[in-house]
N, C-alpha and C. Protein backbone atom coordinates (compact mmCIF):
# COMPACT_ATOMS: atom_id res chain seq x y z
N MET A 1 77.09 -30.22 -92.92
CA MET A 1 76.74 -30.00 -91.55
C MET A 1 75.76 -31.08 -91.11
N LEU A 2 75.95 -31.65 -89.94
CA LEU A 2 75.09 -32.69 -89.40
C LEU A 2 74.31 -32.12 -88.25
N VAL A 3 72.98 -32.23 -88.31
CA VAL A 3 72.12 -31.74 -87.25
C VAL A 3 71.33 -32.92 -86.72
N LEU A 4 71.38 -33.11 -85.42
CA LEU A 4 70.65 -34.22 -84.81
C LEU A 4 69.41 -33.70 -84.12
N GLY A 5 68.37 -34.50 -84.10
CA GLY A 5 67.15 -34.12 -83.42
C GLY A 5 66.12 -33.55 -84.38
N LEU A 6 65.23 -32.73 -83.84
CA LEU A 6 64.15 -32.15 -84.63
C LEU A 6 64.50 -30.73 -85.04
N VAL A 7 64.15 -30.39 -86.25
CA VAL A 7 64.27 -29.02 -86.74
C VAL A 7 62.87 -28.57 -87.09
N THR A 8 62.37 -27.51 -86.48
CA THR A 8 61.01 -27.08 -86.69
C THR A 8 60.94 -25.82 -87.54
N THR A 9 60.03 -25.83 -88.51
CA THR A 9 59.73 -24.64 -89.30
C THR A 9 58.24 -24.38 -89.16
N THR A 10 57.75 -23.33 -89.77
CA THR A 10 56.32 -23.04 -89.66
C THR A 10 55.47 -24.01 -90.47
N ALA A 11 56.04 -24.68 -91.45
CA ALA A 11 55.24 -25.53 -92.33
C ALA A 11 55.45 -27.02 -92.12
N ALA A 12 56.56 -27.41 -91.56
CA ALA A 12 56.85 -28.84 -91.46
C ALA A 12 57.76 -29.14 -90.29
N VAL A 13 57.75 -30.39 -89.89
CA VAL A 13 58.66 -30.88 -88.86
C VAL A 13 59.45 -32.02 -89.47
N TYR A 14 60.77 -31.98 -89.30
CA TYR A 14 61.65 -33.00 -89.85
C TYR A 14 62.16 -33.86 -88.70
N ALA A 15 61.93 -35.14 -88.77
CA ALA A 15 62.43 -36.07 -87.76
C ALA A 15 63.14 -37.19 -88.50
N GLU A 16 64.45 -37.23 -88.37
CA GLU A 16 65.28 -38.17 -89.12
C GLU A 16 64.98 -38.00 -90.60
N ASP A 17 64.50 -39.03 -91.30
CA ASP A 17 64.23 -38.93 -92.73
C ASP A 17 62.75 -38.68 -93.02
N VAL A 18 61.95 -38.44 -92.00
CA VAL A 18 60.51 -38.26 -92.18
C VAL A 18 60.17 -36.78 -92.11
N VAL A 19 59.47 -36.28 -93.12
CA VAL A 19 59.01 -34.90 -93.14
C VAL A 19 57.49 -34.92 -93.00
N VAL A 20 57.00 -34.39 -91.89
CA VAL A 20 55.56 -34.31 -91.65
C VAL A 20 55.16 -32.86 -91.92
N ALA A 21 54.36 -32.65 -92.97
CA ALA A 21 54.01 -31.29 -93.37
C ALA A 21 52.50 -31.11 -93.51
N LYS A 22 52.04 -29.91 -93.20
CA LYS A 22 50.63 -29.57 -93.38
C LYS A 22 50.27 -29.77 -94.85
N GLY A 23 49.14 -30.41 -95.08
CA GLY A 23 48.68 -30.66 -96.44
C GLY A 23 49.11 -32.00 -97.02
N ALA A 24 50.12 -32.63 -96.40
CA ALA A 24 50.57 -33.94 -96.88
C ALA A 24 49.50 -34.99 -96.58
N LEU A 25 49.39 -35.97 -97.44
CA LEU A 25 48.42 -37.05 -97.22
C LEU A 25 49.01 -38.09 -96.28
N LEU A 26 48.19 -38.59 -95.38
CA LEU A 26 48.62 -39.59 -94.41
C LEU A 26 47.82 -40.87 -94.62
N GLN A 27 48.52 -42.00 -94.63
CA GLN A 27 47.86 -43.30 -94.78
C GLN A 27 47.88 -44.05 -93.46
N ALA A 28 46.85 -44.87 -93.25
CA ALA A 28 46.77 -45.73 -92.07
C ALA A 28 47.60 -46.99 -92.31
N ALA A 29 47.78 -47.76 -91.26
CA ALA A 29 48.57 -48.99 -91.32
C ALA A 29 48.02 -49.98 -92.33
N ASP A 30 46.72 -49.94 -92.55
CA ASP A 30 46.10 -50.88 -93.50
C ASP A 30 46.11 -50.35 -94.94
N GLY A 31 46.77 -49.20 -95.16
CA GLY A 31 46.90 -48.65 -96.51
C GLY A 31 45.82 -47.68 -96.91
N ARG A 32 44.80 -47.54 -96.10
CA ARG A 32 43.72 -46.61 -96.42
C ARG A 32 44.16 -45.17 -96.16
N SER A 33 43.66 -44.27 -96.96
CA SER A 33 43.99 -42.86 -96.79
C SER A 33 43.23 -42.28 -95.60
N LEU A 34 43.94 -41.53 -94.76
CA LEU A 34 43.31 -40.83 -93.64
C LEU A 34 43.01 -39.39 -94.00
N GLY A 35 43.58 -38.93 -95.12
CA GLY A 35 43.35 -37.56 -95.57
C GLY A 35 44.56 -36.69 -95.36
N ALA A 36 44.36 -35.40 -95.57
CA ALA A 36 45.45 -34.43 -95.49
C ALA A 36 45.71 -34.03 -94.04
N ILE A 37 46.97 -33.80 -93.74
CA ILE A 37 47.37 -33.32 -92.42
C ILE A 37 46.95 -31.86 -92.31
N GLN A 38 46.22 -31.54 -91.25
CA GLN A 38 45.70 -30.19 -91.05
C GLN A 38 46.66 -29.30 -90.28
N LYS A 39 47.44 -29.92 -89.37
CA LYS A 39 48.34 -29.16 -88.50
C LYS A 39 49.46 -30.07 -88.05
N VAL A 40 50.66 -29.50 -87.89
CA VAL A 40 51.80 -30.25 -87.38
C VAL A 40 52.27 -29.57 -86.09
N ALA A 41 52.32 -30.33 -85.01
CA ALA A 41 52.78 -29.79 -83.73
C ALA A 41 54.31 -29.78 -83.69
N GLY A 42 54.86 -29.07 -82.75
CA GLY A 42 56.30 -28.97 -82.59
C GLY A 42 56.98 -30.30 -82.37
N ASP A 43 56.25 -31.28 -81.82
CA ASP A 43 56.84 -32.60 -81.59
C ASP A 43 56.70 -33.52 -82.80
N GLY A 44 56.10 -33.00 -83.89
CA GLY A 44 55.96 -33.80 -85.10
C GLY A 44 54.65 -34.54 -85.22
N SER A 45 53.80 -34.46 -84.20
CA SER A 45 52.51 -35.13 -84.29
C SER A 45 51.64 -34.39 -85.31
N ALA A 46 50.76 -35.15 -85.96
CA ALA A 46 49.95 -34.61 -87.05
C ALA A 46 48.47 -34.63 -86.68
N SER A 47 47.78 -33.55 -86.99
CA SER A 47 46.32 -33.50 -86.78
C SER A 47 45.63 -33.78 -88.11
N VAL A 48 44.65 -34.68 -88.05
CA VAL A 48 43.85 -35.03 -89.23
C VAL A 48 42.38 -34.98 -88.85
N ILE A 49 41.54 -34.76 -89.84
CA ILE A 49 40.10 -34.74 -89.60
C ILE A 49 39.53 -36.09 -90.04
N LEU A 50 38.89 -36.77 -89.09
CA LEU A 50 38.26 -38.06 -89.35
C LEU A 50 36.84 -38.01 -88.83
N GLU A 51 35.89 -38.33 -89.67
CA GLU A 51 34.48 -38.34 -89.29
C GLU A 51 34.05 -37.02 -88.66
N GLY A 52 34.57 -35.91 -89.21
CA GLY A 52 34.17 -34.59 -88.76
C GLY A 52 34.83 -34.08 -87.50
N LYS A 53 35.79 -34.82 -86.95
CA LYS A 53 36.49 -34.40 -85.73
C LYS A 53 38.00 -34.39 -85.98
N ILE A 54 38.70 -33.58 -85.21
CA ILE A 54 40.15 -33.51 -85.33
C ILE A 54 40.78 -34.50 -84.37
N TYR A 55 41.71 -35.30 -84.90
CA TYR A 55 42.44 -36.28 -84.10
C TYR A 55 43.94 -36.06 -84.28
N VAL A 56 44.70 -36.34 -83.23
CA VAL A 56 46.15 -36.20 -83.28
C VAL A 56 46.79 -37.56 -83.45
N VAL A 57 47.68 -37.66 -84.44
CA VAL A 57 48.43 -38.89 -84.69
C VAL A 57 49.84 -38.66 -84.16
N PRO A 58 50.29 -39.45 -83.17
CA PRO A 58 51.61 -39.24 -82.58
C PRO A 58 52.74 -39.38 -83.61
N ALA A 59 53.72 -38.52 -83.48
CA ALA A 59 54.88 -38.54 -84.38
C ALA A 59 55.60 -39.88 -84.34
N SER A 60 55.61 -40.51 -83.19
CA SER A 60 56.32 -41.79 -83.04
C SER A 60 55.71 -42.89 -83.89
N THR A 61 54.49 -42.69 -84.39
CA THR A 61 53.82 -43.70 -85.22
C THR A 61 53.95 -43.41 -86.71
N ILE A 62 54.55 -42.27 -87.08
CA ILE A 62 54.60 -41.85 -88.48
C ILE A 62 55.96 -42.17 -89.10
N SER A 63 55.91 -42.77 -90.28
CA SER A 63 57.13 -43.09 -91.04
C SER A 63 56.81 -42.92 -92.52
N THR A 64 57.78 -43.21 -93.35
CA THR A 64 57.52 -43.19 -94.79
C THR A 64 57.63 -44.60 -95.35
N LYS A 65 56.79 -44.88 -96.32
CA LYS A 65 56.81 -46.17 -97.01
C LYS A 65 56.51 -45.88 -98.48
N ASP A 66 57.43 -46.25 -99.33
CA ASP A 66 57.28 -45.99 -100.77
C ASP A 66 57.01 -44.50 -101.04
N GLY A 67 57.67 -43.64 -100.28
CA GLY A 67 57.55 -42.20 -100.48
C GLY A 67 56.28 -41.58 -99.91
N LYS A 68 55.49 -42.35 -99.18
CA LYS A 68 54.24 -41.85 -98.61
C LYS A 68 54.33 -41.84 -97.09
N LEU A 69 53.63 -40.87 -96.46
CA LEU A 69 53.56 -40.84 -95.01
C LEU A 69 52.57 -41.88 -94.53
N VAL A 70 53.00 -42.71 -93.60
CA VAL A 70 52.17 -43.80 -93.09
C VAL A 70 52.26 -43.83 -91.57
N THR A 71 51.12 -44.01 -90.93
CA THR A 71 51.12 -44.22 -89.48
C THR A 71 50.98 -45.72 -89.21
N SER A 72 51.54 -46.16 -88.12
CA SER A 72 51.43 -47.59 -87.76
C SER A 72 50.05 -47.89 -87.17
N LEU A 73 49.21 -46.87 -87.03
CA LEU A 73 47.87 -47.03 -86.48
C LEU A 73 46.84 -47.17 -87.60
N LYS A 74 45.75 -47.83 -87.28
CA LYS A 74 44.60 -47.89 -88.17
C LYS A 74 43.64 -46.78 -87.76
N LYS A 75 42.71 -46.44 -88.64
CA LYS A 75 41.74 -45.38 -88.36
C LYS A 75 41.03 -45.64 -87.03
N TRP A 76 40.61 -46.87 -86.80
CA TRP A 76 39.92 -47.23 -85.56
C TRP A 76 40.79 -46.92 -84.35
N ASP A 77 42.10 -47.22 -84.45
CA ASP A 77 43.02 -46.97 -83.33
C ASP A 77 43.12 -45.47 -83.03
N ILE A 78 43.14 -44.66 -84.06
CA ILE A 78 43.26 -43.21 -83.89
C ILE A 78 41.99 -42.65 -83.23
N ILE A 79 40.85 -43.06 -83.75
CA ILE A 79 39.56 -42.55 -83.23
C ILE A 79 39.35 -43.00 -81.78
N ASN A 80 39.82 -44.17 -81.42
CA ASN A 80 39.57 -44.71 -80.08
C ASN A 80 40.73 -44.54 -79.11
N ARG A 81 41.75 -43.73 -79.48
CA ARG A 81 42.88 -43.47 -78.58
C ARG A 81 42.38 -42.69 -77.37
N LYS A 82 42.93 -42.99 -76.23
CA LYS A 82 42.60 -42.26 -74.99
C LYS A 82 43.73 -41.34 -74.65
């Protein structure tokens, strides 16, 4: 069976070949760890805690590289997003 689009469960969001799940580790574009994903929204965006605050990383920036979740943003970009 072929399903196109997003399939949402309570624990993870699947977008194409990328699985964004609560508790998964997320890396920044420069390879540094951003920490564990705290929450996944219905659109696949991930919430992470950086410097004591919660920030949302857009799903459109998240992919996998070498089996790891990676955002195309750097920590500075996430903290300074408007």
